[in-house]
Amino acid sequence: MTQHNDLRSDSLPATVRGFLAAHVVRDADTASSFFAEDAVAVDQGESVRGRERIHAFLRDAGSEFAYTTEQIGAARIDDDHWVVTLRLEGTFPGGVAELDYRFTIREDVVTELVIADHGSR
């Protein structure tokens, strides 16, 4: 069952909101601009380090599929850690995925983003 958190989108840090707005429309240039130069992105256990490599990852990830993205949850863990749950529906295997985007924010930039299946810890 999908858990919908009570945190409103406008309660998220501007960095997270900006990243998500760009990411949803597949604007890798803007989305990657929210990352620190030495940031790390982890997607399903695969790590990418550095803004330039994160840009390439954001540009290429899922590009072979058509899909829609809907935010279905958000939570503040502490001042530096936020989790946003997105539901993707599209032409990829399985057709539906719920993913947690776990952000670490320092000095208004993303220093780490971990993308994992919703509910996995």
PDB file of N, CA and C in Angstrom:
ATOM      1  N   MET A   1       0.842  -1.181   0.000  1.00  0.00           N
ATOM      2  CA  MET A   1       0.000   0.000   0.000  1.00  0.00           C
ATOM      3  C   MET A   1       0.888   1.245   0.000  1.00  0.00           C
ATOM      4  N   THR A   2       0.492   2.217  -0.750  1.00  0.00           N
ATOM      5  CA  THR A   2       1.250   3.456  -0.853  1.00  0.00           C
ATOM      6  C   THR A   2       0.998   4.320   0.370  1.00  0.00           C
ATOM      7  N   GLN A   3       2.065   4.806   0.978  1.00  0.00           N
ATOM      8  CA  GLN A   3       1.937   5.720   2.107  1.00  0.00           C
ATOM      9  C   GLN A   3       2.111   7.138   1.590  1.00  0.00           C
ATOM     10  N   HIS A   4       1.123   7.964   1.821  1.00  0.00           N
ATOM     11  CA  HIS A   4       1.201   9.367   1.424  1.00  0.00           C
ATOM     12  C   HIS A   4       1.541  10.184   2.660  1.00  0.00           C
ATOM     13  N   ASN A   5       2.672  10.848   2.629  1.00  0.00           N
ATOM     14  CA  ASN A   5       3.080  11.668   3.760  1.00  0.00           C
ATOM     15  C   ASN A   5       2.364  13.000   3.703  1.00  0.00           C
ATOM     16  N   ASP A   6       2.300  13.679   4.822  1.00  0.00           N
ATOM     17  CA  ASP A   6       1.544  14.922   4.922  1.00  0.00           C
ATOM     18  C   ASP A   6       2.318  16.162   4.512  1.00  0.00           C
ATOM     19  N   LEU A   7       3.622  16.050   4.303  1.00  0.00           N
ATOM     20  CA  LEU A   7       4.424  17.217   3.986  1.00  0.00           C
ATOM     21  C   LEU A   7       4.056  17.746   2.605  1.00  0.00           C
ATOM     22  N   ARG A   8       3.702  19.020   2.545  1.00  0.00           N
ATOM     23  CA  ARG A   8       3.335  19.636   1.268  1.00  0.00           C
ATOM     24  C   ARG A   8       4.591  19.929   0.457  1.00  0.00           C
ATOM     25  N   SER A   9       4.445  19.919  -0.861  1.00  0.00           N
ATOM     26  CA  SER A   9       5.588  20.190  -1.751  1.00  0.00           C
ATOM     27  C   SER A   9       6.225  21.533  -1.460  1.00  0.00           C
ATOM     28  N   ASP A  10       5.414  22.531  -1.148  1.00  0.00           N
ATOM     29  CA  ASP A  10       5.980  23.861  -0.906  1.00  0.00           C
ATOM     30  C   ASP A  10       6.723  23.948   0.424  1.00  0.00           C
ATOM     31  N   SER A  11       6.664  22.879   1.237  1.00  0.00           N
ATOM     32  CA  SER A  11       7.434  22.814   2.483  1.00  0.00           C
ATOM     33  C   SER A  11       8.831  22.235   2.269  1.00  0.00           C
ATOM     34  N   LEU A  12       9.079  21.697   1.084  1.00  0.00           N
ATOM     35  CA  LEU A  12      10.401  21.160   0.776  1.00  0.00           C
ATOM     36  C   LEU A  12      11.392  22.302   0.569  1.00  0.00           C
ATOM     37  N   PRO A  13      12.671  22.054   0.801  1.00  0.00           N
ATOM     38  CA  PRO A  13      13.676  23.091   0.524  1.00  0.00           C
ATOM     39  C   PRO A  13      13.642  23.490  -0.954  1.00  0.00           C
ATOM     40  N   ALA A  14      13.969  24.733  -1.233  1.00  0.00           N
ATOM     41  CA  ALA A  14      13.974  25.237  -2.609  1.00  0.00           C
ATOM     42  C   ALA A  14      14.869  24.386  -3.508  1.00  0.00           C
ATOM     43  N   THR A  15      15.972  23.901  -2.967  1.00  0.00           N
ATOM     44  CA  THR A  15      16.889  23.056  -3.738  1.00  0.00           C
ATOM     45  C   THR A  15      16.192  21.789  -4.210  1.00  0.00           C
ATOM     46  N   VAL A  16      15.442  21.142  -3.330  1.00  0.00           N
ATOM     47  CA  VAL A  16      14.731  19.915  -3.684  1.00  0.00           C
ATOM     48  C   VAL A  16      13.615  20.226  -4.675  1.00  0.00           C
ATOM     49  N   ARG A  17      12.853  21.276  -4.416  1.00  0.00           N
ATOM     50  CA  ARG A  17      11.770  21.658  -5.336  1.00  0.00           C
ATOM     51  C   ARG A  17      12.310  21.962  -6.729  1.00  0.00           C
ATOM     52  N   GLY A  18      13.404  22.710  -6.782  1.00  0.00           N
ATOM     53  CA  GLY A  18      13.990  23.063  -8.071  1.00  0.00           C
ATOM     54  C   GLY A  18      14.495  21.845  -8.823  1.00  0.00           C
ATOM     55  N   PHE A  19      15.197  20.958  -8.105  1.00  0.00           N
ATOM     56  CA  PHE A  19      15.673  19.729  -8.734  1.00  0.00           C
ATOM     57  C   PHE A  19      14.501  18.935  -9.298  1.00  0.00           C
ATOM     58  N   LEU A  20      13.478  18.708  -8.483  1.00  0.00           N
ATOM     59  CA  LEU A  20      12.351  17.885  -8.922  1.00  0.00           C
ATOM     60  C   LEU A  20      11.635  18.497 -10.115  1.00  0.00           C
ATOM     61  N   ALA A  21      11.427  19.812 -10.096  1.00  0.00           N
ATOM     62  CA  ALA A  21      10.753  20.479 -11.219  1.00  0.00           C
ATOM     63  C   ALA A  21      11.528  20.250 -12.516  1.00  0.00           C
ATOM     64  N   ALA A  22      12.844  20.362 -12.455  1.00  0.00           N
ATOM     65  CA  ALA A  22      13.667  20.148 -13.647  1.00  0.00           C
ATOM     66  C   ALA A  22      13.726  18.665 -14.021  1.00  0.00           C
ATOM     67  N   HIS A  23      13.860  17.810 -13.030  1.00  0.00           N
ATOM     68  CA  HIS A  23      13.985  16.368 -13.274  1.00  0.00           C
ATOM     69  C   HIS A  23      12.731  15.801 -13.928  1.00  0.00           C
ATOM     70  N   VAL A  24      11.563  16.226 -13.474  1.00  0.00           N
ATOM     71  CA  VAL A  24      10.302  15.714 -14.010  1.00  0.00           C
ATOM     72  C   VAL A  24      10.154  16.032 -15.501  1.00  0.00           C
ATOM     73  N   VAL A  25      10.657  17.179 -15.920  1.00  0.00           N
ATOM     74  CA  VAL A  25      10.568  17.540 -17.349  1.00  0.00           C
ATOM     75  C   VAL A  25      11.834  17.136 -18.099  1.00  0.00           C
ATOM     76  N   ARG A  26      12.710  16.372 -17.432  1.00  0.00           N
ATOM     77  CA  ARG A  26      13.927  15.816 -18.020  1.00  0.00           C
ATOM     78  C   ARG A  26      14.905  16.893 -18.501  1.00  0.00           C
ATOM     79  N   ASP A  27      15.024  17.937 -17.703  1.00  0.00           N
ATOM     80  CA  ASP A  27      15.976  19.019 -17.963  1.00  0.00           C
ATOM     81  C   ASP A  27      17.220  18.745 -17.125  1.00  0.00           C
ATOM     82  N   ALA A  28      18.127  17.925 -17.663  1.00  0.00           N
ATOM     83  CA  ALA A  28      19.323  17.509 -16.922  1.00  0.00           C
ATOM     84  C   ALA A  28      20.251  18.679 -16.632  1.00  0.00           C
ATOM     85  N   ASP A  29      20.295  19.667 -17.518  1.00  0.00           N
ATOM     86  CA  ASP A  29      21.161  20.832 -17.278  1.00  0.00           C
ATOM     87  C   ASP A  29      20.758  21.536 -15.983  1.00  0.00           C
ATOM     88  N   THR A  30      19.472  21.836 -15.855  1.00  0.00           N
ATOM     89  CA  THR A  30      18.991  22.529 -14.659  1.00  0.00           C
ATOM     90  C   THR A  30      19.032  21.610 -13.446  1.00  0.00           C
ATOM     91  N   ALA A  31      18.579  20.370 -13.603  1.00  0.00           N
ATOM     92  CA  ALA A  31      18.550  19.435 -12.471  1.00  0.00           C
ATOM     93  C   ALA A  31      19.940  19.240 -11.876  1.00  0.00           C
ATOM     94  N   SER A  32      20.948  19.088 -12.713  1.00  0.00           N
ATOM     95  CA  SER A  32      22.301  18.848 -12.199  1.00  0.00           C
ATOM     96  C   SER A  32      22.900  20.094 -11.553  1.00  0.00           C
ATOM     97  N   SER A  33      22.366  21.264 -11.867  1.00  0.00           N
ATOM     98  CA  SER A  33      22.897  22.499 -11.280  1.00  0.00           C
ATOM     99  C   SER A  33      22.625  22.601  -9.782  1.00  0.00           C
ATOM    100  N   PHE A  34      21.742  21.774  -9.257  1.00  0.00           N
ATOM    101  CA  PHE A  34      21.427  21.785  -7.829  1.00  0.00           C
ATOM    102  C   PHE A  34      22.389  20.925  -7.007  1.00  0.00           C
ATOM    103  N   PHE A  35      23.360  20.278  -7.667  1.00  0.00           N
ATOM    104  CA  PHE A  35      24.296  19.388  -6.995  1.00  0.00           C
ATOM    105  C   PHE A  35      25.622  20.085  -6.713  1.00  0.00           C
ATOM    106  N   ALA A  36      26.244  19.721  -5.593  1.00  0.00           N
ATOM    107  CA  ALA A  36      27.607  20.158  -5.289  1.00  0.00           C
ATOM    108  C   ALA A  36      28.555  19.534  -6.315  1.00  0.00           C
ATOM    109  N   GLU A  37      29.698  20.164  -6.529  1.00  0.00           N
ATOM    110  CA  GLU A  37      30.688  19.642  -7.492  1.00  0.00           C
ATOM    111  C   GLU A  37      31.094  18.201  -7.179  1.00  0.00           C
ATOM    112  N   ASP A  38      31.185  17.851  -5.893  1.00  0.00           N
ATOM    113  CA  ASP A  38      31.630  16.516  -5.499  1.00  0.00           C
ATOM    114  C   ASP A  38      30.485  15.631  -4.998  1.00  0.00           C
ATOM    115  N   ALA A  39      29.272  15.948  -5.403  1.00  0.00           N
ATOM    116  CA  ALA A  39      28.098  15.205  -4.949  1.00  0.00           C
ATOM    117  C   ALA A  39      28.139  13.756  -5.438  1.00  0.00           C
ATOM    118  N   VAL A  40      27.335  12.933  -4.776  1.00  0.00           N
ATOM    119  CA  VAL A  40      27.185  11.531  -5.143  1.00  0.00           C
ATOM    120  C   VAL A  40      25.715  11.266  -5.406  1.00  0.00           C
ATOM    121  N   ALA A  41      25.441  10.533  -6.490  1.00  0.00           N
ATOM    122  CA  ALA A  41      24.085  10.056  -6.771  1.00  0.00           C
ATOM    123  C   ALA A  41      24.150   8.535  -6.834  1.00  0.00           C
ATOM    124  N   VAL A  42      23.207   7.899  -6.168  1.00  0.00           N
ATOM    125  CA  VAL A  42      23.131   6.440  -6.147  1.00  0.00           C
ATOM    126  C   VAL A  42      21.739   6.057  -6.632  1.00  0.00           C
ATOM    127  N   ASP A  43      21.702   5.244  -7.674  1.00  0.00           N
ATOM    128  CA  ASP A  43      20.427   4.779  -8.225  1.00  0.00           C
ATOM    129  C   ASP A  43      20.448   3.263  -8.264  1.00  0.00           C
ATOM    130  N   GLN A  44      19.580   2.650  -7.477  1.00  0.00           N
ATOM    131  CA  GLN A  44      19.471   1.197  -7.415  1.00  0.00           C
ATOM    132  C   GLN A  44      20.844   0.558  -7.168  1.00  0.00           C
ATOM    133  N   GLY A  45      21.636   1.175  -6.298  1.00  0.00           N
ATOM    134  CA  GLY A  45      22.923   0.623  -5.899  1.00  0.00           C
ATOM    135  C   GLY A  45      24.110   1.052  -6.757  1.00  0.00           C
ATOM    136  N   GLU A  46      23.893   1.707  -7.875  1.00  0.00           N
ATOM    137  CA  GLU A  46      24.980   2.181  -8.746  1.00  0.00           C
ATOM    138  C   GLU A  46      25.308   3.624  -8.383  1.00  0.00           C
ATOM    139  N   SER A  47      26.590   3.912  -8.093  1.00  0.00           N
ATOM    140  CA  SER A  47      27.004   5.248  -7.667  1.00  0.00           C
ATOM    141  C   SER A  47      27.648   6.032  -8.808  1.00  0.00           C
ATOM    142  N   VAL A  48      27.367   7.344  -8.798  1.00  0.00           N
ATOM    143  CA  VAL A  48      27.972   8.288  -9.733  1.00  0.00           C
ATOM    144  C   VAL A  48      28.469   9.454  -8.886  1.00  0.00           C
ATOM    145  N   ARG A  49      29.723   9.893  -9.109  1.00  0.00           N
ATOM    146  CA  ARG A  49      30.286  10.970  -8.299  1.00  0.00           C
ATOM    147  C   ARG A  49      30.674  12.136  -9.190  1.00  0.00           C
ATOM    148  N   GLY A  50      30.329  13.341  -8.713  1.00  0.00           N
ATOM    149  CA  GLY A  50      30.689  14.575  -9.412  1.00  0.00           C
ATOM    150  C   GLY A  50      29.540  15.112 -10.252  1.00  0.00           C
ATOM    151  N   ARG A  51      29.401  16.433 -10.256  1.00  0.00           N
ATOM    152  CA  ARG A  51      28.281  17.070 -10.961  1.00  0.00           C
ATOM    153  C   ARG A  51      28.237  16.699 -12.447  1.00  0.00           C
ATOM    154  N   GLU A  52      29.382  16.644 -13.091  1.00  0.00           N
ATOM    155  CA  GLU A  52      29.418  16.337 -14.524  1.00  0.00           C
ATOM    156  C   GLU A  52      28.888  14.934 -14.811  1.00  0.00           C
ATOM    157  N   ARG A  53      29.304  13.967 -14.012  1.00  0.00           N
ATOM    158  CA  ARG A  53      28.820  12.586 -14.200  1.00  0.00           C
ATOM    159  C   ARG A  53      27.355  12.463 -13.794  1.00  0.00           C
ATOM    160  N   ILE A  54      26.945  13.212 -12.774  1.00  0.00           N
ATOM    161  CA  ILE A  54      25.533  13.209 -12.386  1.00  0.00           C
ATOM    162  C   ILE A  54      24.688  13.790 -13.518  1.00  0.00           C
ATOM    163  N   HIS A  55      25.192  14.841 -14.168  1.00  0.00           N
ATOM    164  CA  HIS A  55      24.476  15.408 -15.317  1.00  0.00           C
ATOM    165  C   HIS A  55      24.246  14.339 -16.382  1.00  0.00           C
ATOM    166  N   ALA A  56      25.278  13.589 -16.731  1.00  0.00           N
ATOM    167  CA  ALA A  56      25.147  12.532 -17.740  1.00  0.00           C
ATOM    168  C   ALA A  56      24.153  11.460 -17.287  1.00  0.00           C
ATOM    169  N   PHE A  57      24.228  11.086 -16.019  1.00  0.00           N
ATOM    170  CA  PHE A  57      23.284  10.112 -15.467  1.00  0.00           C
ATOM    171  C   PHE A  57      21.850  10.624 -15.592  1.00  0.00           C
ATOM    172  N   LEU A  58      21.609  11.871 -15.184  1.00  0.00           N
ATOM    173  CA  LEU A  58      20.251  12.430 -15.247  1.00  0.00           C
ATOM    174  C   LEU A  58      19.768  12.543 -16.690  1.00  0.00           C
ATOM    175  N   ARG A  59      20.660  12.860 -17.588  1.00  0.00           N
ATOM    176  CA  ARG A  59      20.316  12.992 -19.011  1.00  0.00           C
ATOM    177  C   ARG A  59      19.913  11.644 -19.593  1.00  0.00           C
ATOM    178  N   ASP A  60      20.635  10.589 -19.218  1.00  0.00           N
ATOM    179  CA  ASP A  60      20.467   9.292 -19.870  1.00  0.00           C
ATOM    180  C   ASP A  60      19.506   8.339 -19.163  1.00  0.00           C
ATOM    181  N   ALA A  61      19.337   8.477 -17.861  1.00  0.00           N
ATOM    182  CA  ALA A  61      18.527   7.521 -17.090  1.00  0.00           C
ATOM    183  C   ALA A  61      17.083   7.502 -17.576  1.00  0.00           C
ATOM    184  N   GLY A  62      16.633   6.349 -17.990  1.00  0.00           N
ATOM    185  CA  GLY A  62      15.245   6.184 -18.421  1.00  0.00           C
ATOM    186  C   GLY A  62      14.911   6.800 -19.755  1.00  0.00           C
ATOM    187  N   SER A  63      15.918   7.273 -20.490  1.00  0.00           N
ATOM    188  CA  SER A  63      15.641   7.976 -21.748  1.00  0.00           C
ATOM    189  C   SER A  63      15.022   7.080 -22.812  1.00  0.00           C
ATOM    190  N   GLU A  64      15.169   5.772 -22.656  1.00  0.00           N
ATOM    191  CA  GLU A  64      14.596   4.857 -23.647  1.00  0.00           C
ATOM    192  C   GLU A  64      13.120   4.564 -23.396  1.00  0.00           C
ATOM    193  N   PHE A  65      12.557   5.137 -22.320  1.00  0.00           N
ATOM    194  CA  PHE A  65      11.163   4.876 -21.966  1.00  0.00           C
ATOM    195  C   PHE A  65      10.347   6.161 -21.950  1.00  0.00           C
ATOM    196  N   ALA A  66       9.058   6.007 -22.190  1.00  0.00           N
ATOM    197  CA  ALA A  66       8.108   7.100 -21.985  1.00  0.00           C
ATOM    198  C   ALA A  66       7.450   6.854 -20.630  1.00  0.00           C
ATOM    199  N   TYR A  67       7.371   7.897 -19.797  1.00  0.00           N
ATOM    200  CA  TYR A  67       6.744   7.718 -18.492  1.00  0.00           C
ATOM    201  C   TYR A  67       6.293   9.063 -17.927  1.00  0.00           C
ATOM    202  N   THR A  68       5.365   8.970 -16.996  1.00  0.00           N
ATOM    203  CA  THR A  68       4.919  10.141 -16.247  1.00  0.00           C
ATOM    204  C   THR A  68       5.414  10.006 -14.818  1.00  0.00           C
ATOM    205  N   THR A  69       5.521  11.135 -14.149  1.00  0.00           N
ATOM    206  CA  THR A  69       6.022  11.166 -12.781  1.00  0.00           C
ATOM    207  C   THR A  69       5.062  11.967 -11.916  1.00  0.00           C
ATOM    208  N   GLU A  70       4.726  11.406 -10.756  1.00  0.00           N
ATOM    209  CA  GLU A  70       3.843  12.090  -9.806  1.00  0.00           C
ATOM    210  C   GLU A  70       4.462  11.981  -8.411  1.00  0.00           C
ATOM    211  N   GLN A  71       4.531  13.108  -7.715  1.00  0.00           N
ATOM    212  CA  GLN A  71       4.989  13.072  -6.323  1.00  0.00           C
ATOM    213  C   GLN A  71       3.849  12.575  -5.465  1.00  0.00           C
ATOM    214  N   ILE A  72       4.103  11.516  -4.685  1.00  0.00           N
ATOM    215  CA  ILE A  72       3.056  10.950  -3.841  1.00  0.00           C
ATOM    216  C   ILE A  72       3.382  11.041  -2.357  1.00  0.00           C
ATOM    217  N   GLY A  73       4.567  11.517  -2.026  1.00  0.00           N
ATOM    218  CA  GLY A  73       4.914  11.651  -0.616  1.00  0.00           C
ATOM    219  C   GLY A  73       6.171  12.466  -0.434  1.00  0.00           C
ATOM    220  N   ALA A  74       6.314  13.009   0.758  1.00  0.00           N
ATOM    221  CA  ALA A  74       7.520  13.760   1.102  1.00  0.00           C
ATOM    222  C   ALA A  74       7.643  13.793   2.619  1.00  0.00           C
ATOM    223  N   ALA A  75       8.880  13.735   3.076  1.00  0.00           N
ATOM    224  CA  ALA A  75       9.131  13.761   4.518  1.00  0.00           C
ATOM    225  C   ALA A  75      10.452  14.458   4.808  1.00  0.00           C
ATOM    226  N   ARG A  76      10.475  15.194   5.897  1.00  0.00           N
ATOM    227  CA  ARG A  76      11.702  15.796   6.419  1.00  0.00           C
ATOM    228  C   ARG A  76      12.246  14.860   7.477  1.00  0.00           C
ATOM    229  N   ILE A  77      13.487  14.426   7.302  1.00  0.00           N
ATOM    230  CA  ILE A  77      14.116  13.563   8.299  1.00  0.00           C
ATOM    231  C   ILE A  77      14.772  14.433   9.360  1.00  0.00           C
ATOM    232  N   ASP A  78      15.559  15.419   8.920  1.00  0.00           N
ATOM    233  CA  ASP A  78      16.158  16.434   9.785  1.00  0.00           C
ATOM    234  C   ASP A  78      16.519  17.608   8.881  1.00  0.00           C
ATOM    235  N   ASP A  79      17.265  18.568   9.379  1.00  0.00           N
ATOM    236  CA  ASP A  79      17.558  19.768   8.589  1.00  0.00           C
ATOM    237  C   ASP A  79      18.275  19.474   7.273  1.00  0.00           C
ATOM    238  N   ASP A  80      19.052  18.404   7.228  1.00  0.00           N
ATOM    239  CA  ASP A  80      19.855  18.093   6.046  1.00  0.00           C
ATOM    240  C   ASP A  80      19.313  16.955   5.190  1.00  0.00           C
ATOM    241  N   HIS A  81      18.300  16.240   5.656  1.00  0.00           N
ATOM    242  CA  HIS A  81      17.840  15.027   4.973  1.00  0.00           C
ATOM    243  C   HIS A  81      16.337  15.074   4.698  1.00  0.00           C
ATOM    244  N   TRP A  82      16.000  14.804   3.446  1.00  0.00           N
ATOM    245  CA  TRP A  82      14.612  14.844   2.986  1.00  0.00           C
ATOM    246  C   TRP A  82      14.368  13.649   2.085  1.00  0.00           C
ATOM    247  N   VAL A  83      13.145  13.122   2.111  1.00  0.00           N
ATOM    248  CA  VAL A  83      12.775  12.007   1.236  1.00  0.00           C
ATOM    249  C   VAL A  83      11.522  12.413   0.473  1.00  0.00           C
ATOM    250  N   VAL A  84      11.580  12.237  -0.845  1.00  0.00           N
ATOM    251  CA  VAL A  84      10.426  12.495  -1.697  1.00  0.00           C
ATOM    252  C   VAL A  84      10.134  11.196  -2.439  1.00  0.00           C
ATOM    253  N   THR A  85       8.877  10.755  -2.394  1.00  0.00           N
ATOM    254  CA  THR A  85       8.473   9.539  -3.080  1.00  0.00           C
ATOM    255  C   THR A  85       7.766   9.912  -4.376  1.00  0.00           C
ATOM    256  N   LEU A  86       8.272   9.340  -5.472  1.00  0.00           N
ATOM    257  CA  LEU A  86       7.698   9.582  -6.793  1.00  0.00           C
ATOM    258  C   LEU A  86       7.128   8.289  -7.340  1.00  0.00           C
ATOM    259  N   ARG A  87       6.006   8.417  -8.028  1.00  0.00           N
ATOM    260  CA  ARG A  87       5.380   7.280  -8.714  1.00  0.00           C
ATOM    261  C   ARG A  87       5.583   7.494 -10.208  1.00  0.00           C
ATOM    262  N   LEU A  88       6.229   6.536 -10.847  1.00  0.00           N
ATOM    263  CA  LEU A  88       6.451   6.574 -12.284  1.00  0.00           C
ATOM    264  C   LEU A  88       5.558   5.541 -12.943  1.00  0.00           C
ATOM    265  N   GLU A  89       4.911   5.927 -14.029  1.00  0.00           N
ATOM    266  CA  GLU A  89       4.112   5.004 -14.829  1.00  0.00           C
ATOM    267  C   GLU A  89       4.538   5.177 -16.272  1.00  0.00           C
ATOM    268  N   GLY A  90       4.829   4.036 -16.947  1.00  0.00           N
ATOM    269  CA  GLY A  90       5.269   4.172 -18.320  1.00  0.00           C
ATOM    270  C   GLY A  90       5.561   2.866 -19.006  1.00  0.00           C
ATOM    271  N   THR A  91       6.414   2.963 -20.019  1.00  0.00           N
ATOM    272  CA  THR A  91       6.693   1.840 -20.904  1.00  0.00           C
ATOM    273  C   THR A  91       7.879   0.990 -20.451  1.00  0.00           C
ATOM    274  N   PHE A  92       8.390   1.215 -19.260  1.00  0.00           N
ATOM    275  CA  PHE A  92       9.495   0.411 -18.732  1.00  0.00           C
ATOM    276  C   PHE A  92       8.951  -0.914 -18.192  1.00  0.00           C
ATOM    277  N   PRO A  93       9.808  -1.925 -18.018  1.00  0.00           N
ATOM    278  CA  PRO A  93       9.343  -3.215 -17.496  1.00  0.00           C
ATOM    279  C   PRO A  93       8.599  -3.046 -16.166  1.00  0.00           C
ATOM    280  N   GLY A  94       7.434  -3.631 -16.079  1.00  0.00           N
ATOM    281  CA  GLY A  94       6.601  -3.522 -14.887  1.00  0.00           C
ATOM    282  C   GLY A  94       5.600  -2.389 -14.976  1.00  0.00           C
ATOM    283  N   GLY A  95       5.927  -1.345 -15.713  1.00  0.00           N
ATOM    284  CA  GLY A  95       4.996  -0.254 -15.992  1.00  0.00           C
ATOM    285  C   GLY A  95       4.747   0.740 -14.875  1.00  0.00           C
ATOM    286  N   VAL A  96       5.006   0.356 -13.620  1.00  0.00           N
ATOM    287  CA  VAL A  96       4.777   1.249 -12.479  1.00  0.00           C
ATOM    288  C   VAL A  96       5.917   1.054 -11.489  1.00  0.00           C
ATOM    289  N   ALA A  97       6.418   2.162 -10.963  1.00  0.00           N
ATOM    290  CA  ALA A  97       7.446   2.089  -9.925  1.00  0.00           C
ATOM    291  C   ALA A  97       7.228   3.227  -8.942  1.00  0.00           C
ATOM    292  N   GLU A  98       7.422   2.945  -7.683  1.00  0.00           N
ATOM    293  CA  GLU A  98       7.421   3.981  -6.648  1.00  0.00           C
ATOM    294  C   GLU A  98       8.830   4.042  -6.093  1.00  0.00           C
ATOM    295  N   LEU A  99       9.441   5.230  -6.226  1.00  0.00           N
ATOM    296  CA  LEU A  99      10.835   5.406  -5.858  1.00  0.00           C
ATOM    297  C   LEU A  99      10.986   6.489  -4.806  1.00  0.00           C
ATOM    298  N   ASP A 100      11.845   6.237  -3.831  1.00  0.00           N
ATOM    299  CA  ASP A 100      12.213   7.245  -2.847  1.00  0.00           C
ATOM    300  C   ASP A 100      13.460   7.955  -3.339  1.00  0.00           C
ATOM    301  N   TYR A 101      13.398   9.273  -3.366  1.00  0.00           N
ATOM    302  CA  TYR A 101      14.545  10.121  -3.656  1.00  0.00           C
ATOM    303  C   TYR A 101      14.992  10.680  -2.316  1.00  0.00           C
ATOM    304  N   ARG A 102      16.105  10.184  -1.807  1.00  0.00           N
ATOM    305  CA  ARG A 102      16.615  10.565  -0.491  1.00  0.00           C
ATOM    306  C   ARG A 102      17.726  11.595  -0.679  1.00  0.00           C
ATOM    307  N   PHE A 103      17.432  12.815  -0.272  1.00  0.00           N
ATOM    308  CA  PHE A 103      18.344  13.942  -0.472  1.00  0.00           C
ATOM    309  C   PHE A 103      19.127  14.261   0.795  1.00  0.00           C
ATOM    310  N   THR A 104      20.406  14.545   0.633  1.00  0.00           N
ATOM    311  CA  THR A 104      21.203  15.186   1.670  1.00  0.00           C
ATOM    312  C   THR A 104      21.542  16.567   1.126  1.00  0.00           C
ATOM    313  N   ILE A 105      21.172  17.597   1.882  1.00  0.00           N
ATOM    314  CA  ILE A 105      21.350  18.988   1.464  1.00  0.00           C
ATOM    315  C   ILE A 105      22.297  19.668   2.449  1.00  0.00           C
ATOM    316  N   ARG A 106      23.302  20.345   1.910  1.00  0.00           N
ATOM    317  CA  ARG A 106      24.194  21.170   2.734  1.00  0.00           C
ATOM    318  C   ARG A 106      24.469  22.457   1.984  1.00  0.00           C
ATOM    319  N   GLU A 107      24.333  23.566   2.686  1.00  0.00           N
ATOM    320  CA  GLU A 107      24.583  24.880   2.095  1.00  0.00           C
ATOM    321  C   GLU A 107      23.817  25.062   0.785  1.00  0.00           C
ATOM    322  N   ASP A 108      22.574  24.639   0.780  1.00  0.00           N
ATOM    323  CA  ASP A 108      21.641  24.829  -0.335  1.00  0.00           C
ATOM    324  C   ASP A 108      21.989  24.081  -1.613  1.00  0.00           C
ATOM    325  N   VAL A 109      22.811  23.032  -1.515  1.00  0.00           N
ATOM    326  CA  VAL A 109      23.055  22.165  -2.665  1.00  0.00           C
ATOM    327  C   VAL A 109      22.894  20.712  -2.240  1.00  0.00           C
ATOM    328  N   VAL A 110      22.598  19.860  -3.210  1.00  0.00           N
ATOM    329  CA  VAL A 110      22.481  18.430  -2.955  1.00  0.00           C
ATOM    330  C   VAL A 110      23.891  17.856  -2.900  1.00  0.00           C
ATOM    331  N   THR A 111      24.226  17.222  -1.780  1.00  0.00           N
ATOM    332  CA  THR A 111      25.525  16.566  -1.673  1.00  0.00           C
ATOM    333  C   THR A 111      25.399  15.066  -1.915  1.00  0.00           C
ATOM    334  N   GLU A 112      24.194  14.538  -1.706  1.00  0.00           N
ATOM    335  CA  GLU A 112      23.955  13.122  -1.994  1.00  0.00           C
ATOM    336  C   GLU A 112      22.494  12.936  -2.350  1.00  0.00           C
ATOM    337  N   LEU A 113      22.262  12.097  -3.362  1.00  0.00           N
ATOM    338  CA  LEU A 113      20.913  11.677  -3.731  1.00  0.00           C
ATOM    339  C   LEU A 113      20.941  10.181  -3.871  1.00  0.00           C
ATOM    340  N   VAL A 114      20.087   9.504  -3.109  1.00  0.00           N
ATOM    341  CA  VAL A 114      19.956   8.059  -3.200  1.00  0.00           C
ATOM    342  C   VAL A 114      18.546   7.759  -3.693  1.00  0.00           C
ATOM    343  N   ILE A 115      18.461   7.062  -4.823  1.00  0.00           N
ATOM    344  CA  ILE A 115      17.178   6.670  -5.399  1.00  0.00           C
ATOM    345  C   ILE A 115      17.013   5.181  -5.171  1.00  0.00           C
ATOM    346  N   ALA A 116      15.916   4.799  -4.524  1.00  0.00           N
ATOM    347  CA  ALA A 116      15.698   3.391  -4.202  1.00  0.00           C
ATOM    348  C   ALA A 116      14.209   3.090  -4.253  1.00  0.00           C
ATOM    349  N   ASP A 117      13.900   1.803  -4.394  1.00  0.00           N
ATOM    350  CA  ASP A 117      12.504   1.405  -4.378  1.00  0.00           C
ATOM    351  C   ASP A 117      11.851   1.887  -3.096  1.00  0.00           C
ATOM    352  N   HIS A 118      10.641   2.400  -3.203  1.00  0.00           N
ATOM    353  CA  HIS A 118       9.913   2.890  -2.044  1.00  0.00           C
ATOM    354  C   HIS A 118       9.759   1.761  -1.032  1.00  0.00           C
ATOM    355  N   GLY A 119      10.054   2.090   0.194  1.00  0.00           N
ATOM    356  CA  GLY A 119       9.914   1.106   1.255  1.00  0.00           C
ATOM    357  C   GLY A 119      11.205   0.383   1.584  1.00  0.00           C
ATOM    358  N   SER A 120      12.178   0.365   0.665  1.00  0.00           N
ATOM    359  CA  SER A 120      13.467  -0.261   1.003  1.00  0.00           C
ATOM    360  C   SER A 120      14.276   0.717   1.828  1.00  0.00           C
ATOM    361  N   ARG A 121      14.984   0.261   2.795  1.00  0.00           N
ATOM    362  CA  ARG A 121      15.760   1.151   3.665  1.00  0.00           C
ATOM    363  C   ARG A 121      17.197   0.813   3.563  1.00  0.00           C
TER     364      ARG A 121
END
